[in-house]
N, C-alpha and C. Protein backbone atom coordinates (compact mmCIF):
# COMPACT_ATOMS: atom_id res chain seq x y z
N MET A 1 72.29 -114.46 367.50
CA MET A 1 70.92 -114.07 367.39
C MET A 1 70.92 -112.57 367.27
N ARG A 2 70.04 -111.82 366.51
CA ARG A 2 70.01 -110.53 366.25
C ARG A 2 69.70 -109.76 367.60
N LEU A 3 69.17 -110.36 368.61
CA LEU A 3 68.80 -109.61 369.79
C LEU A 3 69.98 -109.01 370.45
N ALA A 4 71.17 -109.67 370.24
CA ALA A 4 72.34 -108.97 370.93
C ALA A 4 72.75 -107.63 370.24
N SER A 5 72.47 -107.54 368.98
CA SER A 5 72.81 -106.25 368.45
C SER A 5 71.95 -104.93 368.75
N TYR A 6 70.96 -105.35 369.59
CA TYR A 6 69.92 -104.34 370.04
C TYR A 6 70.39 -103.79 371.45
N GLN A 7 71.42 -104.36 372.01
CA GLN A 7 71.73 -104.15 373.41
C GLN A 7 72.22 -102.72 373.61
N PRO A 8 73.12 -102.20 372.64
CA PRO A 8 73.41 -100.71 372.60
C PRO A 8 72.53 -99.80 372.15
N ASP A 9 71.38 -100.27 371.55
CA ASP A 9 70.29 -99.39 370.96
C ASP A 9 69.82 -98.61 372.34
N PRO A 10 69.55 -97.28 372.15
CA PRO A 10 69.13 -96.36 373.17
C PRO A 10 67.64 -96.83 373.59
N ARG A 11 66.93 -97.33 372.99
CA ARG A 11 65.57 -97.73 373.29
C ARG A 11 65.67 -98.87 374.35
N VAL A 12 66.80 -99.74 374.27
CA VAL A 12 66.98 -100.81 375.19
C VAL A 12 67.93 -100.34 376.36
N LYS A 13 69.15 -99.71 375.87
CA LYS A 13 70.14 -99.43 376.85
C LYS A 13 69.70 -98.24 378.02
N ASN A 14 68.77 -97.41 377.49
CA ASN A 14 68.28 -96.43 378.32
C ASN A 14 67.05 -96.64 379.07
N ASP A 15 66.58 -97.92 379.06
CA ASP A 15 65.40 -98.31 379.61
C ASP A 15 65.51 -99.15 380.80
N PRO A 16 65.48 -98.69 382.20
CA PRO A 16 65.76 -99.42 383.18
C PRO A 16 64.99 -100.69 383.34
N MET A 17 63.77 -100.73 383.02
CA MET A 17 63.11 -102.03 382.95
C MET A 17 63.66 -103.13 382.20
N LEU A 18 64.13 -102.64 380.88
CA LEU A 18 64.90 -103.60 379.91
C LEU A 18 66.23 -103.97 380.35
N GLN A 19 66.73 -103.06 381.32
CA GLN A 19 68.05 -103.63 381.87
C GLN A 19 68.01 -104.60 383.00
N GLU A 20 66.80 -104.81 383.32
CA GLU A 20 66.33 -106.00 384.31
C GLU A 20 66.16 -107.34 383.61
N ILE A 21 65.26 -107.05 382.61
CA ILE A 21 64.81 -108.23 381.94
C ILE A 21 64.27 -107.95 380.65
N GLN A 22 64.41 -108.89 379.64
CA GLN A 22 63.86 -108.45 378.17
C GLN A 22 63.06 -109.66 377.88
N PHE A 23 61.88 -109.52 377.20
CA PHE A 23 61.21 -110.56 376.64
C PHE A 23 61.11 -110.39 375.20
N TRP A 24 61.66 -111.44 374.52
CA TRP A 24 61.88 -111.54 373.05
C TRP A 24 61.00 -112.69 372.40
N LYS A 25 60.48 -112.42 371.15
CA LYS A 25 59.72 -113.48 370.70
C LYS A 25 59.98 -113.30 369.18
N LEU A 26 60.08 -114.45 368.60
CA LEU A 26 60.36 -114.57 367.15
C LEU A 26 59.10 -115.40 366.38
N LYS A 27 58.50 -114.66 365.60
CA LYS A 27 57.13 -115.17 364.84
C LYS A 27 57.58 -115.34 363.45
N VAL A 28 57.25 -116.56 362.98
CA VAL A 28 57.66 -117.00 361.56
C VAL A 28 56.35 -117.38 360.86
N GLU A 29 56.17 -116.80 359.71
CA GLU A 29 55.02 -117.23 358.92
C GLU A 29 55.54 -117.21 357.44
N ASN A 30 55.40 -118.30 356.87
CA ASN A 30 55.85 -118.48 355.46
C ASN A 30 57.16 -117.90 355.03
N ASP A 31 58.10 -118.39 355.91
CA ASP A 31 59.53 -117.94 355.67
C ASP A 31 59.96 -116.57 356.06
N PHE A 32 59.09 -115.78 356.57
CA PHE A 32 59.12 -114.54 356.99
C PHE A 32 59.05 -114.29 358.44
N GLY A 33 60.06 -113.63 358.97
CA GLY A 33 60.09 -113.60 360.54
C GLY A 33 59.99 -112.24 361.09
N THR A 34 59.46 -112.03 362.14
CA THR A 34 59.24 -110.81 363.00
C THR A 34 59.93 -111.22 364.39
N LEU A 35 60.89 -110.36 364.65
CA LEU A 35 61.48 -110.40 366.02
C LEU A 35 60.96 -109.16 366.93
N ILE A 36 60.48 -109.54 368.14
CA ILE A 36 59.84 -108.48 368.84
C ILE A 36 60.37 -108.42 370.16
N CYS A 37 60.70 -107.20 370.72
CA CYS A 37 61.17 -107.30 372.06
C CYS A 37 60.17 -106.55 372.92
N GLU A 38 59.86 -106.99 374.16
CA GLU A 38 58.82 -106.38 374.85
C GLU A 38 59.26 -106.10 376.38
N ARG A 39 58.81 -105.24 377.01
CA ARG A 39 59.05 -104.92 378.52
C ARG A 39 58.26 -106.02 379.30
N ASP A 40 56.93 -106.00 378.70
CA ASP A 40 56.13 -107.10 379.33
C ASP A 40 54.99 -107.36 378.30
N SER A 41 54.13 -108.27 378.53
CA SER A 41 53.26 -108.74 377.51
C SER A 41 52.45 -107.57 376.89
N ASP A 42 52.62 -107.60 375.50
CA ASP A 42 51.96 -106.55 374.84
C ASP A 42 52.49 -105.09 374.95
N ASP A 43 53.70 -105.05 375.63
CA ASP A 43 54.35 -103.69 375.72
C ASP A 43 55.50 -103.83 374.87
N VAL A 44 55.31 -103.42 373.51
CA VAL A 44 56.50 -103.73 372.49
C VAL A 44 57.25 -102.54 372.38
N VAL A 45 58.66 -102.84 372.59
CA VAL A 45 59.74 -101.74 372.69
C VAL A 45 60.17 -101.61 371.06
N LEU A 46 60.24 -102.60 370.34
CA LEU A 46 60.83 -102.58 369.18
C LEU A 46 60.51 -103.99 368.37
N THR A 47 60.52 -103.82 367.05
CA THR A 47 60.20 -105.00 366.19
C THR A 47 61.31 -104.85 365.09
N GLN A 48 61.57 -106.05 364.47
CA GLN A 48 62.40 -106.18 363.30
C GLN A 48 61.84 -107.32 362.42
N GLU A 49 61.61 -106.82 361.14
CA GLU A 49 61.13 -107.81 360.24
C GLU A 49 62.44 -108.38 359.60
N ILE A 50 62.31 -109.82 359.45
CA ILE A 50 63.32 -110.65 358.81
C ILE A 50 62.78 -111.17 357.53
N PRO A 51 63.27 -110.71 356.34
CA PRO A 51 62.78 -111.07 355.14
C PRO A 51 62.80 -112.53 354.73
N TYR A 52 63.65 -113.25 355.36
CA TYR A 52 63.68 -114.86 355.08
C TYR A 52 64.31 -115.42 356.33
N THR A 53 63.64 -116.48 356.68
CA THR A 53 64.29 -117.42 357.82
C THR A 53 63.68 -118.77 357.41
N ASP A 54 64.65 -119.86 357.94
CA ASP A 54 64.13 -121.32 357.69
C ASP A 54 64.00 -121.91 359.01
N PHE A 55 63.62 -120.86 360.13
CA PHE A 55 63.53 -121.26 361.43
C PHE A 55 62.37 -122.32 361.49
N PRO A 56 62.45 -123.53 362.00
CA PRO A 56 61.40 -124.40 362.04
C PRO A 56 60.11 -124.30 362.77
N LEU A 57 60.14 -123.40 363.81
CA LEU A 57 58.93 -123.18 364.53
C LEU A 57 58.11 -122.00 364.16
N SER A 58 56.83 -121.77 364.43
CA SER A 58 56.07 -120.68 364.05
C SER A 58 56.28 -119.66 365.24
N GLU A 59 56.59 -119.92 366.38
CA GLU A 59 56.83 -118.94 367.33
C GLU A 59 57.75 -119.48 368.39
N ILE A 60 58.76 -118.65 368.85
CA ILE A 60 59.52 -119.13 370.12
C ILE A 60 59.65 -117.94 370.84
N ARG A 61 59.78 -118.00 372.17
CA ARG A 61 60.09 -116.92 373.13
C ARG A 61 61.42 -117.07 373.86
N PHE A 62 61.82 -115.95 374.20
CA PHE A 62 63.23 -116.03 374.95
C PHE A 62 63.13 -114.91 375.97
N TYR A 63 63.94 -115.21 377.07
CA TYR A 63 64.17 -114.08 378.13
C TYR A 63 65.65 -113.66 378.07
N PHE A 64 65.95 -112.59 378.20
CA PHE A 64 67.22 -111.97 378.25
C PHE A 64 67.37 -111.25 379.70
N GLN A 65 68.28 -111.81 380.50
CA GLN A 65 68.57 -111.26 381.88
C GLN A 65 70.13 -111.30 382.19
N GLN A 66 70.62 -110.12 382.68
CA GLN A 66 71.99 -110.11 383.05
C GLN A 66 72.92 -110.87 381.91
N GLY A 67 72.86 -110.67 380.69
CA GLY A 67 73.67 -111.13 379.73
C GLY A 67 73.47 -112.52 379.43
N VAL A 68 72.30 -113.26 379.97
CA VAL A 68 72.12 -114.55 379.61
C VAL A 68 70.78 -114.67 378.91
N LEU A 69 70.74 -115.42 377.74
CA LEU A 69 69.55 -115.72 376.88
C LEU A 69 68.97 -117.08 377.54
N MET A 70 67.74 -117.12 377.80
CA MET A 70 67.15 -118.32 378.38
C MET A 70 65.62 -118.53 377.47
N LEU A 71 65.40 -119.80 377.54
CA LEU A 71 64.05 -120.10 377.08
C LEU A 71 63.09 -119.95 378.37
N PRO A 72 61.91 -119.77 378.22
CA PRO A 72 61.05 -119.59 379.44
C PRO A 72 61.19 -120.89 380.29
N SER A 73 61.33 -121.93 379.83
CA SER A 73 61.34 -123.14 380.84
C SER A 73 62.73 -123.04 381.65
N GLU A 74 63.71 -122.17 381.33
CA GLU A 74 64.91 -122.15 382.03
C GLU A 74 65.01 -120.95 383.14
N TYR A 75 63.77 -120.16 382.94
CA TYR A 75 63.86 -118.94 383.85
C TYR A 75 63.42 -119.37 385.37
């Protein structure tokens, strides 16, 4: 997943809060995706537009903590 490529990004790497936990969500509409990283609800750090995706859900959330990617139900 693309979120791994953002770990060395200074916006993520140099943010103490994001070193503890990151909240990620992928939103999909009409085969177009938006990947969003948040510190907390509605505190967006970065977004990436994905011109095409065939991901079957309209939205999914992930938590990333200590190198482990989890679904909210696994946290």
